[in-house]
N, C-alpha and C. Protein backbone atom coordinates (compact mmCIF):
# COMPACT_ATOMS: atom_id res chain seq x y z
N MET A 1 114.16 148.45 132.05
CA MET A 1 112.96 148.57 131.23
C MET A 1 111.96 147.49 131.65
N SER A 2 110.68 147.87 131.79
CA SER A 2 109.70 146.88 132.23
C SER A 2 109.41 145.91 131.08
N ARG A 3 108.92 144.74 131.46
CA ARG A 3 108.69 143.68 130.49
C ARG A 3 107.62 144.09 129.48
N ILE A 4 107.80 143.66 128.23
CA ILE A 4 106.82 143.97 127.19
C ILE A 4 105.61 143.06 127.38
N PHE A 5 104.42 143.65 127.26
CA PHE A 5 103.18 142.91 127.50
C PHE A 5 102.34 142.94 126.23
N ARG A 6 101.83 141.77 125.84
CA ARG A 6 101.05 141.70 124.60
C ARG A 6 99.71 141.04 124.85
N ALA A 7 98.66 141.72 124.40
CA ALA A 7 97.31 141.21 124.66
C ALA A 7 96.45 141.31 123.41
N VAL A 8 95.42 140.47 123.36
CA VAL A 8 94.44 140.49 122.28
C VAL A 8 93.07 140.57 122.94
N ILE A 9 92.15 141.33 122.33
CA ILE A 9 90.77 141.36 122.83
C ILE A 9 89.86 140.87 121.70
N MET A 10 88.93 139.99 122.08
CA MET A 10 87.98 139.42 121.11
C MET A 10 86.57 139.66 121.61
N GLY A 11 85.65 139.76 120.66
CA GLY A 11 84.24 139.90 121.06
C GLY A 11 83.40 140.15 119.82
N PRO A 12 82.14 139.73 119.85
CA PRO A 12 81.28 139.93 118.69
C PRO A 12 80.96 141.41 118.47
N PRO A 13 80.42 141.77 117.30
CA PRO A 13 80.00 143.16 117.08
C PRO A 13 79.02 143.57 118.18
N GLY A 14 79.23 144.77 118.73
CA GLY A 14 78.31 145.26 119.77
C GLY A 14 78.66 144.81 121.17
N SER A 15 79.83 144.13 121.33
CA SER A 15 80.17 143.60 122.67
C SER A 15 80.85 144.64 123.56
N GLY A 16 81.13 145.84 123.02
CA GLY A 16 81.80 146.86 123.83
C GLY A 16 83.31 146.78 123.73
N LYS A 17 83.78 146.03 122.73
CA LYS A 17 85.23 145.81 122.55
C LYS A 17 86.00 147.12 122.38
N GLY A 18 85.42 148.04 121.58
CA GLY A 18 86.09 149.32 121.34
C GLY A 18 86.24 150.12 122.62
N THR A 19 85.15 150.18 123.40
CA THR A 19 85.15 150.94 124.66
C THR A 19 86.18 150.36 125.63
N ILE A 20 86.15 149.03 125.78
CA ILE A 20 87.07 148.39 126.73
C ILE A 20 88.52 148.53 126.26
N SER A 21 88.73 148.43 124.95
CA SER A 21 90.10 148.60 124.41
C SER A 21 90.64 149.99 124.74
N GLU A 22 89.79 151.01 124.57
CA GLU A 22 90.23 152.38 124.87
C GLU A 22 90.58 152.52 126.35
N ARG A 23 89.74 151.91 127.20
CA ARG A 23 90.02 152.01 128.65
C ARG A 23 91.31 151.30 129.02
N ILE A 24 91.56 150.14 128.39
CA ILE A 24 92.80 149.40 128.67
C ILE A 24 94.00 150.25 128.25
N ALA A 25 93.93 150.80 127.02
CA ALA A 25 95.04 151.59 126.50
C ALA A 25 95.33 152.77 127.42
N HIS A 26 94.25 153.43 127.87
CA HIS A 26 94.38 154.62 128.71
C HIS A 26 94.90 154.27 130.10
N THR A 27 94.36 153.19 130.69
CA THR A 27 94.70 152.85 132.07
C THR A 27 96.09 152.22 132.19
N PHE A 28 96.43 151.36 131.22
CA PHE A 28 97.66 150.59 131.37
C PHE A 28 98.77 151.00 130.40
N GLY A 29 98.49 152.03 129.59
CA GLY A 29 99.53 152.55 128.71
C GLY A 29 99.92 151.58 127.59
N LEU A 30 98.98 150.72 127.19
CA LEU A 30 99.28 149.82 126.06
C LEU A 30 98.97 150.55 124.76
N GLN A 31 99.71 150.23 123.72
CA GLN A 31 99.40 150.78 122.40
C GLN A 31 98.23 149.99 121.84
N HIS A 32 97.14 150.69 121.51
CA HIS A 32 95.92 150.01 121.02
C HIS A 32 95.97 149.97 119.50
N LEU A 33 95.99 148.76 118.96
CA LEU A 33 96.02 148.61 117.51
C LEU A 33 94.73 147.95 117.06
N SER A 34 93.86 148.74 116.43
CA SER A 34 92.59 148.21 115.93
C SER A 34 92.78 147.82 114.48
N SER A 35 92.48 146.55 114.16
CA SER A 35 92.72 146.10 112.78
C SER A 35 91.83 146.87 111.80
N GLY A 36 90.61 147.24 112.24
CA GLY A 36 89.71 148.00 111.36
C GLY A 36 90.27 149.36 111.01
N ASP A 37 90.78 150.08 112.05
CA ASP A 37 91.37 151.40 111.81
C ASP A 37 92.61 151.27 110.94
N PHE A 38 93.41 150.25 111.22
CA PHE A 38 94.65 150.04 110.49
C PHE A 38 94.37 149.74 109.01
N LEU A 39 93.32 148.97 108.79
CA LEU A 39 92.89 148.63 107.44
C LEU A 39 92.48 149.90 106.68
N ARG A 40 91.68 150.74 107.36
CA ARG A 40 91.22 152.00 106.73
C ARG A 40 92.41 152.90 106.40
N GLU A 41 93.39 152.98 107.32
CA GLU A 41 94.58 153.82 107.07
C GLU A 41 95.34 153.32 105.85
N ASN A 42 95.50 151.99 105.75
CA ASN A 42 96.23 151.41 104.62
C ASN A 42 95.50 151.61 103.31
N ILE A 43 94.17 151.55 103.36
CA ILE A 43 93.38 151.78 102.14
C ILE A 43 93.54 153.24 101.71
N ALA A 44 93.45 154.15 102.71
CA ALA A 44 93.59 155.58 102.40
C ALA A 44 94.99 155.89 101.86
N ALA A 45 96.01 155.23 102.43
CA ALA A 45 97.40 155.50 102.01
C ALA A 45 97.77 154.72 100.74
N ARG A 46 96.84 153.88 100.28
CA ARG A 46 97.05 153.06 99.08
C ARG A 46 98.31 152.21 99.14
N THR A 47 98.55 151.61 100.30
CA THR A 47 99.67 150.67 100.39
C THR A 47 99.29 149.43 99.58
N GLU A 48 100.27 148.60 99.30
CA GLU A 48 100.02 147.41 98.48
C GLU A 48 98.92 146.53 99.11
N ALA A 49 99.09 146.25 100.40
CA ALA A 49 98.10 145.40 101.08
C ALA A 49 96.75 146.13 101.20
N GLY A 50 96.81 147.45 101.36
CA GLY A 50 95.58 148.25 101.46
C GLY A 50 94.77 148.20 100.17
N VAL A 51 95.46 148.31 99.04
CA VAL A 51 94.80 148.26 97.72
C VAL A 51 94.15 146.89 97.54
N LEU A 52 94.89 145.85 97.96
CA LEU A 52 94.39 144.48 97.84
C LEU A 52 93.16 144.28 98.73
N ALA A 53 93.25 144.79 99.97
CA ALA A 53 92.13 144.65 100.91
C ALA A 53 90.88 145.33 100.36
N LYS A 54 91.09 146.49 99.74
CA LYS A 54 89.95 147.27 99.23
C LYS A 54 89.16 146.49 98.18
N THR A 55 89.86 145.68 97.37
CA THR A 55 89.16 144.93 96.32
C THR A 55 88.16 143.95 96.93
N TYR A 56 88.50 143.40 98.11
CA TYR A 56 87.57 142.48 98.78
C TYR A 56 86.41 143.25 99.43
N ILE A 57 86.77 144.35 100.10
CA ILE A 57 85.76 145.13 100.82
C ILE A 57 84.71 145.68 99.85
N GLU A 58 85.17 146.14 98.68
CA GLU A 58 84.24 146.69 97.69
C GLU A 58 83.25 145.63 97.18
N LYS A 59 83.67 144.37 97.25
CA LYS A 59 82.76 143.29 96.82
C LYS A 59 81.91 142.80 97.99
N GLY A 60 82.08 143.45 99.15
CA GLY A 60 81.31 143.04 100.32
C GLY A 60 81.84 141.75 100.95
N LEU A 61 83.12 141.44 100.67
CA LEU A 61 83.71 140.21 101.21
C LEU A 61 84.62 140.53 102.39
N LEU A 62 84.84 139.53 103.25
CA LEU A 62 85.81 139.71 104.34
C LEU A 62 87.21 139.67 103.74
N VAL A 63 88.11 140.46 104.32
CA VAL A 63 89.49 140.47 103.84
C VAL A 63 90.12 139.13 104.24
N PRO A 64 90.69 138.39 103.27
CA PRO A 64 91.20 137.06 103.60
C PRO A 64 92.41 137.07 104.54
N ASP A 65 92.63 135.91 105.15
CA ASP A 65 93.68 135.78 106.17
C ASP A 65 95.04 136.25 105.68
N HIS A 66 95.45 135.83 104.46
CA HIS A 66 96.81 136.16 104.03
C HIS A 66 97.00 137.67 103.85
N VAL A 67 95.92 138.39 103.50
CA VAL A 67 96.03 139.86 103.35
C VAL A 67 96.12 140.50 104.73
N MET A 68 95.27 140.04 105.67
CA MET A 68 95.29 140.61 107.02
C MET A 68 96.65 140.39 107.69
N THR A 69 97.19 139.17 107.55
CA THR A 69 98.48 138.92 108.21
C THR A 69 99.59 139.74 107.55
N ARG A 70 99.48 139.93 106.23
CA ARG A 70 100.48 140.73 105.53
C ARG A 70 100.44 142.20 105.97
N LEU A 71 99.26 142.64 106.38
CA LEU A 71 99.12 144.02 106.86
C LEU A 71 99.62 144.16 108.29
N LEU A 72 99.14 143.22 109.14
CA LEU A 72 99.34 143.40 110.58
C LEU A 72 100.71 142.98 111.10
N LEU A 73 101.25 141.86 110.59
CA LEU A 73 102.50 141.36 111.18
C LEU A 73 103.67 142.33 111.02
N PRO A 74 103.85 142.98 109.84
CA PRO A 74 104.94 143.96 109.74
C PRO A 74 104.75 145.13 110.72
N ARG A 75 103.48 145.51 110.94
CA ARG A 75 103.21 146.61 111.88
C ARG A 75 103.61 146.20 113.30
N LEU A 76 103.32 144.95 113.66
CA LEU A 76 103.68 144.47 115.00
C LEU A 76 105.20 144.40 115.16
N GLU A 77 105.88 144.10 114.05
CA GLU A 77 107.34 144.08 114.09
C GLU A 77 107.89 145.47 114.37
N GLU A 78 107.23 146.48 113.76
CA GLU A 78 107.67 147.88 113.96
C GLU A 78 107.54 148.29 115.42
N ILE A 79 106.51 147.76 116.09
CA ILE A 79 106.29 148.20 117.49
C ILE A 79 106.70 147.08 118.47
N ALA A 80 107.67 146.28 118.04
CA ALA A 80 108.08 145.11 118.83
C ALA A 80 108.57 145.48 120.24
N ARG A 81 109.03 146.71 120.41
CA ARG A 81 109.54 147.10 121.73
C ARG A 81 108.46 147.72 122.61
N SER A 82 107.24 147.79 122.08
CA SER A 82 106.15 148.39 122.87
C SER A 82 105.22 147.30 123.39
N SER A 83 104.51 147.62 124.46
CA SER A 83 103.43 146.74 124.92
C SER A 83 102.18 147.14 124.14
N TRP A 84 101.41 146.13 123.67
CA TRP A 84 100.25 146.49 122.84
C TRP A 84 99.03 145.63 123.13
N LEU A 85 97.91 146.16 122.64
CA LEU A 85 96.63 145.45 122.69
C LEU A 85 96.09 145.40 121.26
N LEU A 86 95.85 144.21 120.76
CA LEU A 86 95.34 144.03 119.40
C LEU A 86 93.83 143.81 119.47
N ASP A 87 93.11 144.53 118.62
CA ASP A 87 91.65 144.44 118.64
C ASP A 87 91.17 144.21 117.20
N GLY A 88 90.46 143.09 116.98
CA GLY A 88 89.96 142.79 115.63
C GLY A 88 90.85 141.82 114.86
N PHE A 89 91.97 141.47 115.44
CA PHE A 89 92.90 140.50 114.84
C PHE A 89 93.54 139.75 115.99
N PRO A 90 93.66 138.45 115.94
CA PRO A 90 93.25 137.54 114.89
C PRO A 90 91.75 137.25 114.95
N ARG A 91 91.14 137.16 113.76
CA ARG A 91 89.71 136.88 113.67
C ARG A 91 89.46 135.40 113.41
N THR A 92 90.43 134.74 112.75
CA THR A 92 90.26 133.33 112.39
C THR A 92 91.42 132.52 112.98
N LEU A 93 91.25 131.20 112.95
CA LEU A 93 92.29 130.32 113.48
C LEU A 93 93.60 130.49 112.69
N ALA A 94 93.50 130.63 111.35
CA ALA A 94 94.72 130.81 110.54
C ALA A 94 95.46 132.08 110.95
N GLN A 95 94.71 133.15 111.23
CA GLN A 95 95.34 134.41 111.68
C GLN A 95 95.99 134.22 113.06
N ALA A 96 95.31 133.48 113.94
CA ALA A 96 95.84 133.24 115.29
C ALA A 96 97.14 132.44 115.21
N GLN A 97 97.18 131.48 114.30
CA GLN A 97 98.40 130.66 114.16
C GLN A 97 99.55 131.49 113.58
N ALA A 98 99.21 132.38 112.63
CA ALA A 98 100.25 133.25 112.05
C ALA A 98 100.81 134.19 113.12
N LEU A 99 99.92 134.73 113.96
CA LEU A 99 100.35 135.63 115.04
C LEU A 99 101.20 134.86 116.04
N ASN A 100 100.78 133.63 116.34
CA ASN A 100 101.47 132.80 117.31
C ASN A 100 102.90 132.50 116.86
N SER A 101 103.10 132.36 115.53
CA SER A 101 104.46 132.06 115.06
C SER A 101 105.32 133.32 115.10
N ALA A 102 104.67 134.49 115.20
CA ALA A 102 105.44 135.75 115.24
C ALA A 102 105.77 136.19 116.67
N CYS A 103 104.87 135.92 117.61
CA CYS A 103 105.12 136.36 119.00
C CYS A 103 104.22 135.60 119.97
N ASP A 104 104.59 135.65 121.25
CA ASP A 104 103.77 135.02 122.29
C ASP A 104 102.86 136.06 122.90
N LEU A 105 101.63 135.66 123.21
CA LEU A 105 100.69 136.57 123.87
C LEU A 105 100.67 136.29 125.36
N ASP A 106 100.46 137.36 126.14
CA ASP A 106 100.34 137.20 127.59
C ASP A 106 98.90 136.93 127.99
N VAL A 107 97.98 137.62 127.33
CA VAL A 107 96.57 137.52 127.72
C VAL A 107 95.69 137.66 126.48
N VAL A 108 94.63 136.84 126.43
CA VAL A 108 93.58 137.02 125.42
C VAL A 108 92.28 137.23 126.19
N ILE A 109 91.65 138.37 125.96
CA ILE A 109 90.39 138.71 126.63
C ILE A 109 89.25 138.40 125.67
N SER A 110 88.30 137.61 126.12
CA SER A 110 87.15 137.30 125.27
C SER A 110 85.89 137.84 125.95
N LEU A 111 85.16 138.70 125.25
CA LEU A 111 83.94 139.28 125.81
C LEU A 111 82.75 138.44 125.37
N ASN A 112 82.02 137.96 126.36
CA ASN A 112 80.89 137.07 126.09
C ASN A 112 79.62 137.80 126.51
N VAL A 113 78.95 138.39 125.54
CA VAL A 113 77.76 139.21 125.83
C VAL A 113 76.54 138.50 125.24
N PRO A 114 75.43 138.39 126.03
CA PRO A 114 74.26 137.65 125.53
C PRO A 114 73.74 138.19 124.19
N PHE A 115 73.26 137.25 123.39
CA PHE A 115 72.77 137.57 122.05
C PHE A 115 71.73 138.69 122.06
N GLU A 116 70.77 138.64 123.00
CA GLU A 116 69.71 139.66 123.04
C GLU A 116 70.29 141.05 123.27
N THR A 117 71.32 141.13 124.12
CA THR A 117 71.97 142.43 124.40
C THR A 117 72.64 142.96 123.14
N LEU A 118 73.36 142.08 122.44
CA LEU A 118 74.06 142.50 121.21
C LEU A 118 73.05 142.99 120.18
N LYS A 119 71.95 142.24 120.08
CA LYS A 119 70.92 142.57 119.10
C LYS A 119 70.33 143.95 119.39
N GLU A 120 70.07 144.18 120.68
CA GLU A 120 69.48 145.46 121.07
C GLU A 120 70.44 146.61 120.80
N ARG A 121 71.71 146.41 121.14
CA ARG A 121 72.70 147.48 120.91
C ARG A 121 72.85 147.79 119.43
N LEU A 122 72.96 146.73 118.61
CA LEU A 122 73.27 146.95 117.21
C LEU A 122 72.10 147.46 116.39
N THR A 123 70.88 147.04 116.75
CA THR A 123 69.74 147.51 115.96
C THR A 123 69.49 149.00 116.21
N HIS A 124 70.07 149.53 117.29
CA HIS A 124 69.90 150.97 117.58
C HIS A 124 71.14 151.76 117.18
N ARG A 125 72.04 151.12 116.42
CA ARG A 125 73.31 151.78 116.10
C ARG A 125 73.22 152.49 114.75
N TRP A 126 73.57 153.78 114.76
CA TRP A 126 73.61 154.58 113.53
C TRP A 126 75.00 155.20 113.41
N ILE A 127 75.43 155.41 112.17
CA ILE A 127 76.82 155.80 111.94
C ILE A 127 76.89 157.02 111.03
N HIS A 128 77.89 157.88 111.31
CA HIS A 128 78.20 158.98 110.39
C HIS A 128 79.28 158.44 109.46
N PRO A 129 78.93 158.15 108.18
CA PRO A 129 79.85 157.40 107.32
C PRO A 129 81.21 158.07 107.12
N ALA A 130 81.24 159.40 107.01
CA ALA A 130 82.51 160.07 106.69
C ALA A 130 83.53 159.95 107.82
N SER A 131 83.07 160.03 109.08
CA SER A 131 84.02 160.04 110.20
C SER A 131 84.08 158.71 110.93
N GLY A 132 83.04 157.86 110.73
CA GLY A 132 82.99 156.61 111.50
C GLY A 132 82.40 156.79 112.90
N ARG A 133 81.91 158.04 113.21
CA ARG A 133 81.31 158.25 114.54
C ARG A 133 80.06 157.38 114.69
N VAL A 134 79.96 156.74 115.86
CA VAL A 134 78.85 155.80 116.07
C VAL A 134 77.92 156.36 117.14
N TYR A 135 76.64 156.28 116.88
CA TYR A 135 75.62 156.70 117.86
C TYR A 135 74.76 155.49 118.18
N ASN A 136 74.25 155.49 119.42
CA ASN A 136 73.26 154.47 119.76
C ASN A 136 72.03 155.22 120.21
N MET A 137 70.89 154.92 119.57
CA MET A 137 69.67 155.70 119.82
C MET A 137 69.20 155.60 121.27
N ILE A 138 69.73 154.62 122.03
CA ILE A 138 69.32 154.50 123.43
C ILE A 138 70.39 155.09 124.35
N PHE A 139 71.67 154.67 124.15
CA PHE A 139 72.73 155.07 125.09
C PHE A 139 73.31 156.44 124.79
N ASN A 140 73.60 156.71 123.51
CA ASN A 140 74.18 158.04 123.20
C ASN A 140 73.60 158.56 121.89
N PRO A 141 72.32 158.98 121.92
CA PRO A 141 71.68 159.46 120.69
C PRO A 141 72.30 160.79 120.25
N PRO A 142 72.18 161.11 118.95
CA PRO A 142 72.66 162.44 118.49
C PRO A 142 71.76 163.53 119.06
N HIS A 143 72.28 164.78 119.09
CA HIS A 143 71.47 165.91 119.61
C HIS A 143 70.20 166.08 118.76
N VAL A 144 70.37 165.95 117.45
CA VAL A 144 69.21 166.06 116.55
C VAL A 144 69.04 164.69 115.91
N LYS A 145 67.84 164.16 116.01
CA LYS A 145 67.60 162.79 115.53
C LYS A 145 68.02 162.63 114.06
N GLY A 146 68.84 161.59 113.81
CA GLY A 146 69.22 161.28 112.43
C GLY A 146 70.37 162.09 111.88
N LEU A 147 70.91 163.04 112.70
CA LEU A 147 71.99 163.90 112.17
C LEU A 147 73.23 163.84 113.05
N ASP A 148 74.40 163.91 112.42
CA ASP A 148 75.67 163.90 113.15
C ASP A 148 75.81 165.18 113.97
N ASP A 149 76.28 165.04 115.22
CA ASP A 149 76.41 166.20 116.13
C ASP A 149 77.37 167.25 115.57
N ILE A 150 78.46 166.82 114.94
CA ILE A 150 79.50 167.77 114.55
C ILE A 150 79.24 168.38 113.18
N THR A 151 78.87 167.57 112.19
CA THR A 151 78.72 168.11 110.84
C THR A 151 77.27 168.39 110.46
N GLY A 152 76.32 167.79 111.21
CA GLY A 152 74.91 167.94 110.87
C GLY A 152 74.51 167.09 109.66
N GLU A 153 75.44 166.23 109.20
CA GLU A 153 75.13 165.38 108.05
C GLU A 153 74.29 164.18 108.48
N PRO A 154 73.53 163.58 107.54
CA PRO A 154 72.66 162.46 107.91
C PRO A 154 73.45 161.23 108.37
N LEU A 155 72.86 160.53 109.33
CA LEU A 155 73.43 159.26 109.80
C LEU A 155 72.82 158.12 108.99
N ILE A 156 73.55 157.02 108.90
CA ILE A 156 73.00 155.85 108.19
C ILE A 156 73.04 154.65 109.13
N GLN A 157 72.22 153.67 108.79
CA GLN A 157 72.31 152.40 109.51
C GLN A 157 72.86 151.37 108.55
N HIS A 158 73.93 150.68 108.97
CA HIS A 158 74.52 149.66 108.11
C HIS A 158 73.52 148.56 107.83
N GLU A 159 73.56 148.06 106.61
CA GLU A 159 72.68 146.94 106.25
C GLU A 159 72.85 145.80 107.25
N ASP A 160 74.12 145.54 107.64
CA ASP A 160 74.33 144.37 108.51
C ASP A 160 74.01 144.66 109.98
N ASP A 161 73.55 145.89 110.30
CA ASP A 161 73.04 146.16 111.65
C ASP A 161 71.51 146.03 111.69
N LYS A 162 70.90 145.77 110.54
CA LYS A 162 69.44 145.59 110.51
C LYS A 162 69.12 144.19 111.03
N PRO A 163 67.98 144.04 111.74
CA PRO A 163 67.73 142.81 112.48
C PRO A 163 67.96 141.49 111.73
N GLU A 164 67.50 141.39 110.46
CA GLU A 164 67.63 140.11 109.76
C GLU A 164 69.11 139.76 109.55
N ALA A 165 69.87 140.77 109.10
CA ALA A 165 71.29 140.52 108.79
C ALA A 165 72.07 140.24 110.07
N LEU A 166 71.60 140.86 111.16
CA LEU A 166 72.31 140.79 112.43
C LEU A 166 72.46 139.37 112.94
N VAL A 167 71.38 138.62 112.85
CA VAL A 167 71.39 137.25 113.38
C VAL A 167 72.47 136.44 112.64
N ALA A 168 72.52 136.59 111.32
CA ALA A 168 73.50 135.85 110.51
C ALA A 168 74.92 136.30 110.86
N ARG A 169 75.07 137.62 111.07
CA ARG A 169 76.40 138.17 111.35
C ARG A 169 76.93 137.66 112.70
N LEU A 170 76.05 137.63 113.70
CA LEU A 170 76.48 137.18 115.03
C LEU A 170 76.75 135.68 115.02
N ARG A 171 75.95 134.95 114.26
CA ARG A 171 76.16 133.50 114.17
C ARG A 171 77.51 133.22 113.49
N HIS A 172 77.79 134.00 112.45
CA HIS A 172 79.06 133.83 111.73
C HIS A 172 80.24 134.11 112.67
N TYR A 173 80.12 135.17 113.47
CA TYR A 173 81.20 135.49 114.42
C TYR A 173 81.45 134.30 115.34
N LYS A 174 80.36 133.74 115.86
CA LYS A 174 80.47 132.64 116.82
C LYS A 174 81.18 131.44 116.19
N ASP A 175 80.81 131.11 114.94
CA ASP A 175 81.41 129.97 114.26
C ASP A 175 82.91 130.17 114.03
N VAL A 176 83.28 131.39 113.61
CA VAL A 176 84.68 131.67 113.28
C VAL A 176 85.52 131.82 114.56
N ALA A 177 84.90 132.41 115.60
CA ALA A 177 85.65 132.68 116.83
C ALA A 177 85.91 131.42 117.66
N LYS A 178 85.02 130.44 117.56
CA LYS A 178 85.14 129.26 118.44
C LYS A 178 86.52 128.59 118.35
N PRO A 179 87.02 128.26 117.12
CA PRO A 179 88.35 127.63 117.06
C PRO A 179 89.47 128.53 117.61
N VAL A 180 89.30 129.86 117.46
CA VAL A 180 90.31 130.80 117.97
C VAL A 180 90.30 130.76 119.50
N ILE A 181 89.09 130.78 120.06
CA ILE A 181 88.94 130.73 121.52
C ILE A 181 89.52 129.42 122.06
N ASP A 182 89.21 128.30 121.38
CA ASP A 182 89.74 127.00 121.82
C ASP A 182 91.27 126.97 121.75
N PHE A 183 91.81 127.59 120.70
CA PHE A 183 93.27 127.65 120.51
C PHE A 183 93.93 128.37 121.68
N TYR A 184 93.37 129.52 122.07
CA TYR A 184 93.97 130.28 123.17
C TYR A 184 93.69 129.64 124.53
N LYS A 185 92.57 128.95 124.63
CA LYS A 185 92.26 128.23 125.87
C LYS A 185 93.33 127.15 126.08
N SER A 186 93.69 126.44 124.99
CA SER A 186 94.68 125.36 125.09
C SER A 186 96.06 125.92 125.45
N LYS A 187 96.29 127.21 125.16
CA LYS A 187 97.58 127.82 125.50
C LYS A 187 97.57 128.42 126.91
N GLY A 188 96.39 128.41 127.55
CA GLY A 188 96.31 128.90 128.93
C GLY A 188 96.34 130.41 129.07
N VAL A 189 96.03 131.15 127.97
CA VAL A 189 96.08 132.62 128.07
C VAL A 189 94.69 133.26 127.97
N LEU A 190 93.65 132.42 127.81
CA LEU A 190 92.31 132.96 127.57
C LEU A 190 91.61 133.33 128.87
N HIS A 191 91.01 134.53 128.90
CA HIS A 191 90.18 134.96 130.04
C HIS A 191 88.86 135.47 129.47
N THR A 192 87.76 134.82 129.86
CA THR A 192 86.45 135.19 129.32
C THR A 192 85.67 135.98 130.35
N PHE A 193 85.03 137.06 129.90
CA PHE A 193 84.22 137.91 130.79
C PHE A 193 82.81 137.98 130.24
N SER A 194 81.83 137.65 131.08
CA SER A 194 80.43 137.61 130.63
C SER A 194 79.59 138.60 131.41
N ASP A 195 78.84 139.42 130.70
CA ASP A 195 77.87 140.32 131.34
C ASP A 195 77.09 141.02 130.25
N THR A 196 76.05 141.77 130.65
CA THR A 196 75.28 142.52 129.66
C THR A 196 75.71 143.98 129.63
N ASP A 197 76.61 144.37 130.56
CA ASP A 197 76.95 145.78 130.69
C ASP A 197 78.47 145.97 130.70
N THR A 198 78.96 146.80 129.79
CA THR A 198 80.40 147.06 129.68
C THR A 198 80.97 147.57 131.01
N ASP A 199 80.20 148.42 131.71
CA ASP A 199 80.68 148.97 132.98
C ASP A 199 80.81 147.90 134.06
N HIS A 200 80.08 146.79 133.92
CA HIS A 200 80.22 145.69 134.88
C HIS A 200 81.40 144.80 134.52
N ILE A 201 81.67 144.70 133.21
CA ILE A 201 82.79 143.85 132.76
C ILE A 201 84.13 144.53 133.07
N TRP A 202 84.17 145.85 132.91
CA TRP A 202 85.44 146.58 132.99
C TRP A 202 86.21 146.34 134.30
N PRO A 203 85.59 146.41 135.50
CA PRO A 203 86.40 146.22 136.72
C PRO A 203 87.11 144.86 136.74
N HIS A 204 86.48 143.83 136.17
CA HIS A 204 87.11 142.49 136.16
C HIS A 204 88.29 142.45 135.20
N VAL A 205 88.13 143.10 134.04
CA VAL A 205 89.22 143.18 133.06
C VAL A 205 90.37 143.97 133.67
N SER A 206 90.02 145.08 134.30
CA SER A 206 91.02 145.97 134.89
C SER A 206 91.81 145.24 135.98
N SER A 207 91.08 144.47 136.80
CA SER A 207 91.76 143.78 137.90
C SER A 207 92.67 142.66 137.37
N LEU A 208 92.22 141.97 136.30
CA LEU A 208 93.08 140.93 135.69
C LEU A 208 94.37 141.57 135.18
N LEU A 209 94.22 142.65 134.40
CA LEU A 209 95.41 143.27 133.79
C LEU A 209 96.29 143.92 134.86
N GLY A 210 95.63 144.47 135.88
CA GLY A 210 96.39 145.11 136.97
C GLY A 210 97.28 144.11 137.69
N SER A 211 96.86 142.83 137.69
CA SER A 211 97.67 141.82 138.38
C SER A 211 98.82 141.34 137.48
N LYS A 212 98.76 141.70 136.18
CA LYS A 212 99.77 141.20 135.25
C LYS A 212 100.68 142.28 134.68
N ILE A 213 100.20 143.52 134.65
CA ILE A 213 101.00 144.60 134.04
C ILE A 213 101.42 145.56 135.12
N PRO A 214 102.71 145.88 135.20
CA PRO A 214 103.08 146.94 136.13
C PRO A 214 102.51 148.25 135.59
N ALA A 215 101.75 148.98 136.42
CA ALA A 215 101.14 150.23 135.96
C ALA A 215 102.26 151.19 135.58
N PRO A 216 102.02 152.02 134.53
CA PRO A 216 103.07 152.98 134.14
C PRO A 216 103.40 153.88 135.32
N THR A 217 104.69 154.03 135.63
CA THR A 217 105.05 154.81 136.81
C THR A 217 104.94 156.29 136.50
N PRO A 218 104.14 157.04 137.31
CA PRO A 218 104.04 158.47 137.07
C PRO A 218 105.38 159.15 137.33
N SER A 219 105.67 160.21 136.57
CA SER A 219 106.96 160.86 136.74
C SER A 219 106.90 161.82 137.92
N VAL A 220 107.04 161.26 139.12
CA VAL A 220 107.06 162.11 140.33
C VAL A 220 108.38 161.84 141.06
N GLN A 221 108.75 162.77 141.87
CA GLN A 221 109.98 162.59 142.65
C GLN A 221 109.77 161.45 143.63
N PRO A 222 110.77 160.57 143.80
CA PRO A 222 110.60 159.50 144.80
C PRO A 222 110.48 160.09 146.19
N SER A 223 109.62 159.48 147.00
CA SER A 223 109.47 160.01 148.38
C SER A 223 110.66 159.56 149.20
N PRO A 224 111.03 160.36 150.19
CA PRO A 224 112.20 159.99 151.01
C PRO A 224 111.90 158.68 151.75
N PRO A 225 112.93 157.86 152.01
CA PRO A 225 112.71 156.60 152.72
C PRO A 225 112.15 156.85 154.12
N HIS A 226 111.27 155.93 154.58
CA HIS A 226 110.68 156.10 155.93
C HIS A 226 111.70 155.67 156.96
């Protein structure tokens, strides 16, 4: 059995983290665990931690560290025999320390995208609230302006994607992420990628992971020896 590989991806809102996570999962066969999706599933399933998390979200507050670790760590235990990529967790130093006491990470990818690029991406971002489908009015606009392609329902723009709120949100990310980044830097597992374009960042991420993860072997007959 090939060695289990564990990675975390970090990046501010609008950094292309979701896109790169999907490509990593697809290319290297890692199980992609998004803390946001996992949180939504737990809220929908009304698990104990999900119900607790919902009380914070409804007040417009961030879900505290002890609730996030209570949600995520048991899930990681369940998939302990799989290689995975965590996205959206750990968000704070306390979460990173809790994760560190549960398992060792092989790689932490940090996406460093210029503020102006993030601002431009996010101010053009509209969402279909029921499905979570995201549109960008520049890169992937809906077929009909303001309406979801599949349901035809109206799209909304999150309050925190509006320009004034955005600056505060990105600044907050930077403040909270810095100790986490320093923590992983001190452990020697941090790899930072900087660019304005996800397609330019991806080959570097791919080449880093390619040097560390044995690619999943396709199920083909072995060729005869030469």
